[in-house]
């Protein structure tokens, strides 16, 4: 439902689907402010850069103390709920240049501030579903009826104050 709200309001909506070990599939709506998408030559989104925030406690729950940076590991006791910027990049494996990956999509998680690599793995399918309402030529992000209404109202407001 949250993805449809983003789609109708902002004309682009994203859903992240991944498997949580022991818990099955997880579907999570992604706010448009977190993502930067890249189209391939056919106009399909096959690369995404996502910048979520996680608390130090969540990072340890997700990756364990051995994978997070020494800074995060040392400060988790004092400030477990302080937010850390993460970067998640999903790109076709051949674009990443990882010959050792056996999956078609490379997945890289980084602590953004320290540039510490948390995890390099892969997916058999592109894990993000990105819907766009309407796109014009050379547009990557879509346009929605809500944007048309906002533009129309701003045009009226501009004419009122002239």
N, C-alpha and C. Protein backbone atom coordinates (compact mmCIF):
# COMPACT_ATOMS: atom_id res chain seq x y z
N UNK A 1 0.81 -1.19 0.00
CA UNK A 1 0.00 0.00 0.00
C UNK A 1 0.86 1.27 0.00
N UNK A 2 1.95 1.26 0.79
CA UNK A 2 2.83 2.43 0.86
C UNK A 2 3.45 2.73 -0.50
N UNK A 3 3.77 1.69 -1.25
CA UNK A 3 4.36 1.89 -2.57
C UNK A 3 3.37 2.58 -3.49
N UNK A 4 2.09 2.21 -3.39
CA UNK A 4 1.07 2.85 -4.22
C UNK A 4 0.89 4.32 -3.85
N UNK A 5 1.03 4.64 -2.56
CA UNK A 5 0.96 6.04 -2.15
C UNK A 5 2.08 6.85 -2.80
N UNK A 6 3.29 6.30 -2.79
CA UNK A 6 4.41 6.99 -3.43
C UNK A 6 4.18 7.12 -4.93
N UNK A 7 3.65 6.07 -5.52
CA UNK A 7 3.41 6.08 -6.95
C UNK A 7 2.39 7.15 -7.33
N UNK A 8 1.31 7.27 -6.57
CA UNK A 8 0.29 8.26 -6.91
C UNK A 8 0.72 9.68 -6.57
N UNK A 9 1.48 9.85 -5.50
CA UNK A 9 1.89 11.20 -5.10
C UNK A 9 3.12 11.68 -5.85
N UNK A 10 4.11 10.81 -6.00
CA UNK A 10 5.39 11.22 -6.57
C UNK A 10 5.68 10.61 -7.93
N UNK A 11 4.79 9.74 -8.38
CA UNK A 11 4.87 9.11 -9.71
C UNK A 11 5.92 8.02 -9.82
N UNK A 12 6.64 7.75 -8.76
CA UNK A 12 7.62 6.67 -8.74
C UNK A 12 7.51 5.98 -7.39
N UNK A 13 7.38 4.67 -7.41
CA UNK A 13 7.28 3.91 -6.18
C UNK A 13 8.24 2.74 -6.23
N UNK A 14 8.82 2.39 -5.09
CA UNK A 14 9.79 1.30 -5.06
C UNK A 14 9.46 0.33 -3.93
N UNK A 15 9.67 -0.94 -4.22
CA UNK A 15 9.46 -2.01 -3.27
C UNK A 15 10.71 -2.88 -3.27
N UNK A 16 11.24 -3.16 -2.07
CA UNK A 16 12.43 -4.01 -1.92
C UNK A 16 11.98 -5.36 -1.40
N UNK A 17 12.39 -6.42 -2.11
CA UNK A 17 12.02 -7.78 -1.72
C UNK A 17 13.30 -8.55 -1.46
N UNK A 18 13.42 -9.08 -0.25
CA UNK A 18 14.58 -9.92 0.04
C UNK A 18 14.18 -11.04 0.98
N UNK A 19 15.04 -12.03 1.06
CA UNK A 19 14.77 -13.17 1.92
C UNK A 19 15.49 -12.99 3.24
N UNK A 20 14.75 -13.14 4.31
CA UNK A 20 15.32 -13.06 5.65
C UNK A 20 15.47 -14.49 6.14
N UNK A 21 16.71 -14.93 6.41
CA UNK A 21 16.92 -16.33 6.83
C UNK A 21 16.04 -16.70 8.03
N UNK A 22 15.32 -17.80 7.89
CA UNK A 22 14.45 -18.28 8.94
C UNK A 22 13.12 -17.57 9.05
N UNK A 23 12.91 -16.54 8.22
CA UNK A 23 11.68 -15.75 8.32
C UNK A 23 10.97 -15.60 6.97
N UNK A 24 11.57 -16.07 5.90
CA UNK A 24 10.94 -16.00 4.58
C UNK A 24 11.18 -14.68 3.87
N UNK A 25 10.29 -14.37 2.94
CA UNK A 25 10.43 -13.15 2.14
C UNK A 25 9.93 -11.94 2.91
N UNK A 26 10.62 -10.82 2.70
CA UNK A 26 10.23 -9.55 3.30
C UNK A 26 9.99 -8.56 2.18
N UNK A 27 8.87 -7.88 2.24
CA UNK A 27 8.52 -6.84 1.27
C UNK A 27 8.54 -5.51 2.00
N UNK A 28 9.37 -4.59 1.53
CA UNK A 28 9.49 -3.30 2.22
C UNK A 28 9.38 -2.16 1.22
N UNK A 29 8.43 -1.26 1.49
CA UNK A 29 8.30 -0.07 0.67
C UNK A 29 9.50 0.83 0.91
N UNK A 30 10.02 1.42 -0.15
CA UNK A 30 11.20 2.28 -0.07
C UNK A 30 10.79 3.70 -0.42
N UNK A 31 11.14 4.64 0.44
CA UNK A 31 10.80 6.03 0.17
C UNK A 31 11.63 6.55 -1.00
N UNK A 32 11.01 7.33 -1.83
CA UNK A 32 11.67 7.85 -3.03
C UNK A 32 12.93 8.65 -2.70
N UNK A 33 12.97 9.29 -1.54
CA UNK A 33 14.15 10.09 -1.17
C UNK A 33 15.38 9.23 -0.92
N UNK A 34 15.20 7.91 -0.77
CA UNK A 34 16.33 7.02 -0.49
C UNK A 34 16.98 6.46 -1.74
N UNK A 35 16.35 6.59 -2.90
CA UNK A 35 16.85 5.85 -4.05
C UNK A 35 17.27 6.74 -5.22
N UNK A 36 18.23 6.22 -5.97
CA UNK A 36 18.65 6.77 -7.26
C UNK A 36 18.66 5.59 -8.21
N UNK A 37 17.90 5.69 -9.29
CA UNK A 37 17.77 4.55 -10.20
C UNK A 37 18.46 4.84 -11.53
N UNK A 38 18.90 3.77 -12.19
CA UNK A 38 19.58 3.86 -13.48
C UNK A 38 18.92 2.87 -14.43
N UNK A 39 18.58 3.35 -15.62
CA UNK A 39 17.99 2.47 -16.63
C UNK A 39 19.08 1.79 -17.46
N UNK A 40 18.75 0.61 -18.00
CA UNK A 40 19.65 -0.01 -18.96
C UNK A 40 19.28 0.47 -20.36
N UNK A 41 19.89 -0.09 -21.38
CA UNK A 41 19.66 0.38 -22.76
C UNK A 41 18.22 0.16 -23.23
N UNK A 42 17.50 -0.74 -22.59
CA UNK A 42 16.11 -1.02 -22.96
C UNK A 42 15.11 -0.19 -22.15
N UNK A 43 15.62 0.69 -21.30
CA UNK A 43 14.74 1.53 -20.50
C UNK A 43 14.23 0.86 -19.23
N UNK A 44 14.83 -0.26 -18.85
CA UNK A 44 14.42 -0.96 -17.63
C UNK A 44 15.41 -0.64 -16.51
N UNK A 45 14.88 -0.50 -15.32
CA UNK A 45 15.73 -0.20 -14.17
C UNK A 45 16.38 -1.49 -13.70
N UNK A 46 17.70 -1.53 -13.82
CA UNK A 46 18.48 -2.71 -13.43
C UNK A 46 19.64 -2.34 -12.51
N UNK A 47 19.74 -1.07 -12.13
CA UNK A 47 20.76 -0.61 -11.19
C UNK A 47 20.08 0.35 -10.23
N UNK A 48 20.38 0.19 -8.95
CA UNK A 48 19.79 1.09 -7.96
C UNK A 48 20.82 1.41 -6.88
N UNK A 49 20.80 2.65 -6.45
CA UNK A 49 21.60 3.10 -5.32
C UNK A 49 20.59 3.53 -4.26
N UNK A 50 20.67 2.92 -3.10
CA UNK A 50 19.73 3.24 -2.02
C UNK A 50 20.49 3.66 -0.79
N UNK A 51 20.03 4.73 -0.15
CA UNK A 51 20.73 5.27 1.03
C UNK A 51 19.79 5.24 2.24
N UNK A 52 19.66 4.07 2.86
CA UNK A 52 18.85 4.01 4.09
C UNK A 52 19.69 4.37 5.31
N UNK A 53 19.01 4.62 6.40
CA UNK A 53 19.69 4.81 7.68
C UNK A 53 19.33 3.63 8.57
N UNK A 54 20.30 3.20 9.37
CA UNK A 54 20.08 2.12 10.33
C UNK A 54 20.73 2.52 11.64
N UNK A 55 20.16 2.05 12.75
CA UNK A 55 20.82 2.27 14.03
C UNK A 55 21.98 1.28 14.16
N UNK A 56 22.88 1.59 15.06
CA UNK A 56 24.01 0.67 15.28
C UNK A 56 23.50 -0.70 15.75
N UNK A 57 22.48 -0.69 16.57
CA UNK A 57 21.91 -1.95 17.05
C UNK A 57 21.37 -2.77 15.88
N UNK A 58 20.64 -2.12 14.96
CA UNK A 58 20.11 -2.82 13.79
C UNK A 58 21.23 -3.37 12.92
N UNK A 59 22.32 -2.62 12.80
CA UNK A 59 23.45 -3.09 11.99
C UNK A 59 24.05 -4.36 12.59
N UNK A 60 24.21 -4.40 13.90
CA UNK A 60 24.73 -5.61 14.54
C UNK A 60 23.77 -6.78 14.40
N UNK A 61 22.46 -6.50 14.49
CA UNK A 61 21.47 -7.56 14.30
C UNK A 61 21.54 -8.11 12.88
N UNK A 62 21.78 -7.24 11.93
CA UNK A 62 21.77 -7.64 10.52
C UNK A 62 23.07 -8.32 10.09
N UNK A 63 24.22 -7.70 10.43
CA UNK A 63 25.49 -8.19 9.90
C UNK A 63 26.42 -8.80 10.94
N UNK A 64 26.18 -8.57 12.20
CA UNK A 64 27.06 -9.10 13.24
C UNK A 64 28.25 -8.18 13.49
N UNK A 65 28.84 -8.32 14.65
CA UNK A 65 29.94 -7.45 15.08
C UNK A 65 31.18 -7.58 14.20
N UNK A 66 31.38 -8.76 13.61
CA UNK A 66 32.58 -8.98 12.80
C UNK A 66 32.52 -8.27 11.45
N UNK A 67 31.33 -7.90 10.97
CA UNK A 67 31.23 -7.26 9.65
C UNK A 67 31.15 -5.73 9.70
N UNK A 68 30.67 -5.17 10.80
CA UNK A 68 30.56 -3.71 10.87
C UNK A 68 31.94 -3.10 11.10
N UNK A 69 32.04 -1.81 10.88
CA UNK A 69 33.33 -1.14 11.08
C UNK A 69 33.71 -1.13 12.55
N UNK A 70 35.00 -1.01 12.85
CA UNK A 70 35.42 -0.93 14.25
C UNK A 70 34.76 0.23 15.00
N UNK A 71 34.51 1.33 14.32
CA UNK A 71 33.87 2.49 14.95
C UNK A 71 32.45 2.15 15.41
N UNK A 72 31.68 1.52 14.53
CA UNK A 72 30.31 1.14 14.90
C UNK A 72 30.33 0.11 16.01
N UNK A 73 31.21 -0.89 15.90
CA UNK A 73 31.28 -1.95 16.92
C UNK A 73 31.65 -1.39 18.29
N UNK A 74 32.55 -0.40 18.32
CA UNK A 74 32.99 0.14 19.61
C UNK A 74 31.96 1.09 20.23
N UNK A 75 31.10 1.68 19.42
CA UNK A 75 30.14 2.65 19.94
C UNK A 75 28.73 2.10 20.14
N UNK A 76 28.52 0.84 19.80
CA UNK A 76 27.16 0.29 19.89
C UNK A 76 26.66 0.23 21.33
N UNK A 77 27.55 0.02 22.29
CA UNK A 77 27.14 -0.04 23.69
C UNK A 77 26.72 1.33 24.21
N UNK A 78 27.46 2.38 23.83
CA UNK A 78 27.19 3.74 24.32
C UNK A 78 26.01 4.39 23.60
N UNK A 79 25.94 4.21 22.27
CA UNK A 79 24.91 4.87 21.47
C UNK A 79 24.28 3.87 20.49
N UNK A 80 23.52 2.90 21.01
CA UNK A 80 22.99 1.86 20.14
C UNK A 80 21.95 2.36 19.13
N UNK A 81 21.27 3.45 19.47
CA UNK A 81 20.19 3.93 18.60
C UNK A 81 20.59 5.10 17.70
N UNK A 82 21.88 5.43 17.69
CA UNK A 82 22.34 6.49 16.79
C UNK A 82 22.32 5.96 15.35
N UNK A 83 21.85 6.81 14.44
CA UNK A 83 21.70 6.41 13.04
C UNK A 83 23.02 6.47 12.28
N UNK A 84 23.18 5.51 11.37
CA UNK A 84 24.36 5.43 10.50
C UNK A 84 23.85 5.37 9.07
N UNK A 85 24.48 6.13 8.17
CA UNK A 85 24.13 6.11 6.76
C UNK A 85 24.71 4.87 6.10
N UNK A 86 23.85 4.15 5.40
CA UNK A 86 24.24 2.94 4.68
C UNK A 86 24.02 3.20 3.19
N UNK A 87 24.81 2.58 2.36
CA UNK A 87 24.58 2.62 0.92
C UNK A 87 24.41 1.19 0.44
N UNK A 88 23.29 0.93 -0.23
CA UNK A 88 23.06 -0.38 -0.84
C UNK A 88 23.05 -0.18 -2.35
N UNK A 89 23.94 -0.86 -3.03
CA UNK A 89 24.04 -0.78 -4.49
C UNK A 89 23.71 -2.15 -5.04
N UNK A 90 22.78 -2.18 -6.00
CA UNK A 90 22.49 -3.41 -6.73
C UNK A 90 22.72 -3.10 -8.20
N UNK A 91 23.57 -3.90 -8.83
CA UNK A 91 23.99 -3.65 -10.20
C UNK A 91 24.16 -4.99 -10.91
N UNK A 92 23.93 -5.03 -12.21
CA UNK A 92 24.22 -6.29 -12.91
C UNK A 92 25.65 -6.73 -12.64
N UNK A 93 25.84 -8.01 -12.40
CA UNK A 93 27.16 -8.53 -12.01
C UNK A 93 28.24 -8.20 -13.02
N UNK A 94 27.90 -8.23 -14.32
CA UNK A 94 28.93 -7.91 -15.32
C UNK A 94 29.36 -6.45 -15.26
N UNK A 95 28.46 -5.56 -14.82
CA UNK A 95 28.83 -4.14 -14.65
C UNK A 95 29.73 -3.96 -13.44
N UNK A 96 29.55 -4.79 -12.43
CA UNK A 96 30.36 -4.71 -11.22
C UNK A 96 31.75 -5.27 -11.46
N UNK A 97 31.88 -6.19 -12.41
CA UNK A 97 33.18 -6.76 -12.73
C UNK A 97 33.60 -7.85 -11.78
N UNK A 98 32.63 -8.47 -11.14
CA UNK A 98 32.95 -9.54 -10.20
C UNK A 98 32.78 -10.89 -10.87
N UNK A 99 33.86 -11.45 -11.34
CA UNK A 99 33.80 -12.75 -12.00
C UNK A 99 33.49 -13.88 -11.04
N UNK A 100 33.73 -13.64 -9.75
CA UNK A 100 33.49 -14.69 -8.76
C UNK A 100 32.01 -14.82 -8.38
N UNK A 101 31.21 -13.80 -8.72
CA UNK A 101 29.79 -13.87 -8.38
C UNK A 101 29.09 -14.86 -9.31
N UNK A 102 28.27 -15.71 -8.71
CA UNK A 102 27.53 -16.69 -9.50
C UNK A 102 26.09 -16.25 -9.74
N UNK A 103 25.73 -15.09 -9.25
CA UNK A 103 24.37 -14.58 -9.41
C UNK A 103 24.40 -13.41 -10.38
N UNK A 104 23.31 -13.18 -11.11
CA UNK A 104 23.29 -12.12 -12.13
C UNK A 104 23.37 -10.69 -11.60
N UNK A 105 23.02 -10.49 -10.32
CA UNK A 105 23.05 -9.13 -9.75
C UNK A 105 23.97 -9.09 -8.54
N UNK A 106 24.88 -8.13 -8.54
CA UNK A 106 25.76 -7.91 -7.40
C UNK A 106 25.06 -6.99 -6.41
N UNK A 107 25.27 -7.24 -5.13
CA UNK A 107 24.71 -6.44 -4.06
C UNK A 107 25.84 -6.04 -3.13
N UNK A 108 25.99 -4.74 -2.92
CA UNK A 108 27.06 -4.23 -2.07
C UNK A 108 26.45 -3.33 -1.00
N UNK A 109 26.75 -3.61 0.25
CA UNK A 109 26.35 -2.76 1.37
C UNK A 109 27.60 -2.09 1.93
N UNK A 110 27.52 -0.77 2.11
CA UNK A 110 28.64 0.01 2.65
C UNK A 110 28.16 0.90 3.79
N UNK A 111 29.03 1.11 4.77
CA UNK A 111 28.82 2.22 5.71
C UNK A 111 29.29 3.45 4.96
N UNK A 112 28.41 4.37 4.73
CA UNK A 112 28.72 5.48 3.83
C UNK A 112 29.82 6.39 4.35
N UNK A 113 29.76 6.78 5.61
CA UNK A 113 30.74 7.73 6.14
C UNK A 113 32.15 7.16 6.19
N UNK A 114 32.29 5.91 6.60
CA UNK A 114 33.62 5.31 6.71
C UNK A 114 34.04 4.56 5.45
N UNK A 115 33.09 4.37 4.53
CA UNK A 115 33.32 3.60 3.30
C UNK A 115 33.72 2.16 3.59
N UNK A 116 33.27 1.68 4.72
CA UNK A 116 33.55 0.30 5.14
C UNK A 116 32.58 -0.64 4.43
N UNK A 117 33.09 -1.67 3.78
CA UNK A 117 32.25 -2.64 3.08
C UNK A 117 31.66 -3.60 4.10
N UNK A 118 30.34 -3.64 4.16
CA UNK A 118 29.66 -4.53 5.09
C UNK A 118 29.43 -5.91 4.49
N UNK A 119 29.02 -5.94 3.21
CA UNK A 119 28.71 -7.21 2.59
C UNK A 119 28.70 -7.08 1.07
N UNK A 120 29.31 -8.03 0.41
CA UNK A 120 29.21 -8.16 -1.04
C UNK A 120 28.58 -9.52 -1.30
N UNK A 121 27.43 -9.50 -1.95
CA UNK A 121 26.73 -10.75 -2.26
C UNK A 121 26.01 -10.57 -3.59
N UNK A 122 24.95 -11.30 -3.79
CA UNK A 122 24.25 -11.20 -5.06
C UNK A 122 22.82 -11.69 -4.98
N UNK A 123 22.10 -11.49 -6.08
CA UNK A 123 20.71 -11.91 -6.20
C UNK A 123 20.52 -12.62 -7.54
N UNK A 124 19.62 -13.58 -7.54
CA UNK A 124 19.26 -14.23 -8.80
C UNK A 124 18.29 -13.36 -9.60
N UNK A 125 17.49 -12.55 -8.92
CA UNK A 125 16.54 -11.62 -9.54
C UNK A 125 16.80 -10.23 -8.98
N UNK A 126 16.48 -9.20 -9.77
CA UNK A 126 16.62 -7.83 -9.29
C UNK A 126 15.66 -7.64 -8.11
N UNK A 127 16.16 -7.26 -6.93
CA UNK A 127 15.33 -7.28 -5.72
C UNK A 127 14.43 -6.05 -5.53
N UNK A 128 14.50 -5.09 -6.41
CA UNK A 128 13.67 -3.90 -6.30
C UNK A 128 12.65 -3.89 -7.42
N UNK A 129 11.43 -3.58 -7.08
CA UNK A 129 10.40 -3.34 -8.08
C UNK A 129 10.18 -1.83 -8.07
N UNK A 130 10.48 -1.19 -9.18
CA UNK A 130 10.32 0.26 -9.29
C UNK A 130 9.24 0.53 -10.33
N UNK A 131 8.15 1.11 -9.87
CA UNK A 131 7.03 1.44 -10.75
C UNK A 131 7.05 2.93 -11.04
N UNK A 132 6.72 3.26 -12.27
CA UNK A 132 6.66 4.67 -12.67
C UNK A 132 5.32 4.90 -13.36
N UNK A 133 4.64 5.97 -12.98
CA UNK A 133 3.31 6.22 -13.50
C UNK A 133 3.36 6.50 -15.00
N UNK A 134 3.97 7.59 -15.39
CA UNK A 134 4.15 7.95 -16.79
C UNK A 134 5.53 8.59 -16.92
N UNK A 135 6.28 8.19 -17.93
CA UNK A 135 7.57 8.85 -18.18
C UNK A 135 7.57 9.42 -19.58
N UNK A 136 8.20 10.56 -19.71
CA UNK A 136 8.39 11.16 -21.03
C UNK A 136 9.73 10.72 -21.60
N UNK A 137 10.00 11.12 -22.82
CA UNK A 137 11.30 10.78 -23.42
C UNK A 137 12.44 11.32 -22.56
N UNK A 138 13.45 10.48 -22.36
CA UNK A 138 14.65 10.82 -21.61
C UNK A 138 14.39 11.09 -20.13
N UNK A 139 13.25 10.65 -19.61
CA UNK A 139 12.95 10.79 -18.19
C UNK A 139 13.09 9.44 -17.51
N UNK A 140 13.73 9.43 -16.37
CA UNK A 140 13.88 8.19 -15.62
C UNK A 140 12.80 8.09 -14.54
N UNK A 141 12.53 9.18 -13.86
CA UNK A 141 11.49 9.20 -12.84
C UNK A 141 10.18 9.61 -13.52
N UNK A 142 9.07 9.10 -13.01
CA UNK A 142 7.79 9.32 -13.65
C UNK A 142 7.11 10.62 -13.28
N UNK A 143 5.97 10.82 -13.91
CA UNK A 143 5.08 11.96 -13.63
C UNK A 143 3.73 11.40 -13.21
N UNK A 144 3.08 12.06 -12.27
CA UNK A 144 1.78 11.58 -11.81
C UNK A 144 0.72 12.67 -11.99
N UNK A 145 -0.56 12.28 -11.89
CA UNK A 145 -1.62 13.30 -11.95
C UNK A 145 -1.48 14.32 -10.83
N UNK A 146 -0.99 13.91 -9.67
CA UNK A 146 -0.81 14.86 -8.57
C UNK A 146 0.18 15.95 -8.95
N UNK A 147 1.23 15.60 -9.67
CA UNK A 147 2.21 16.61 -10.10
C UNK A 147 1.58 17.57 -11.09
N UNK A 148 0.73 17.06 -11.97
CA UNK A 148 0.04 17.92 -12.93
C UNK A 148 -0.84 18.92 -12.20
N UNK A 149 -1.55 18.47 -11.16
CA UNK A 149 -2.39 19.37 -10.36
C UNK A 149 -1.55 20.43 -9.67
N UNK A 150 -0.42 20.02 -9.10
CA UNK A 150 0.44 20.99 -8.42
C UNK A 150 0.97 22.03 -9.40
N UNK A 151 1.37 21.60 -10.58
CA UNK A 151 1.86 22.54 -11.59
C UNK A 151 0.75 23.50 -12.01
N UNK A 152 -0.45 22.99 -12.19
CA UNK A 152 -1.57 23.83 -12.60
C UNK A 152 -1.89 24.86 -11.54
N UNK A 153 -1.90 24.45 -10.26
CA UNK A 153 -2.18 25.39 -9.18
C UNK A 153 -1.09 26.44 -9.05
N UNK A 154 0.15 26.06 -9.23
CA UNK A 154 1.23 27.04 -9.11
C UNK A 154 1.17 28.04 -10.26
N UNK A 155 0.76 27.59 -11.44
CA UNK A 155 0.60 28.52 -12.56
C UNK A 155 -0.48 29.54 -12.25
N UNK A 156 -1.59 29.08 -11.65
CA UNK A 156 -2.68 29.99 -11.28
C UNK A 156 -2.21 30.96 -10.22
N UNK A 157 -1.49 30.47 -9.22
CA UNK A 157 -0.99 31.33 -8.15
C UNK A 157 -0.04 32.37 -8.70
N UNK A 158 0.82 32.00 -9.64
CA UNK A 158 1.75 32.96 -10.23
C UNK A 158 1.01 34.06 -10.97
N UNK A 159 -0.05 33.70 -11.69
CA UNK A 159 -0.82 34.69 -12.43
C UNK A 159 -1.56 35.64 -11.48
N UNK A 160 -1.95 35.16 -10.32
CA UNK A 160 -2.70 35.97 -9.35
C UNK A 160 -1.85 37.10 -8.81
N UNK A 161 -0.56 36.87 -8.63
CA UNK A 161 0.30 37.86 -8.02
C UNK A 161 1.04 38.73 -9.02
N UNK A 162 0.69 38.68 -10.26
CA UNK A 162 1.37 39.52 -11.25
C UNK A 162 0.73 40.86 -11.38
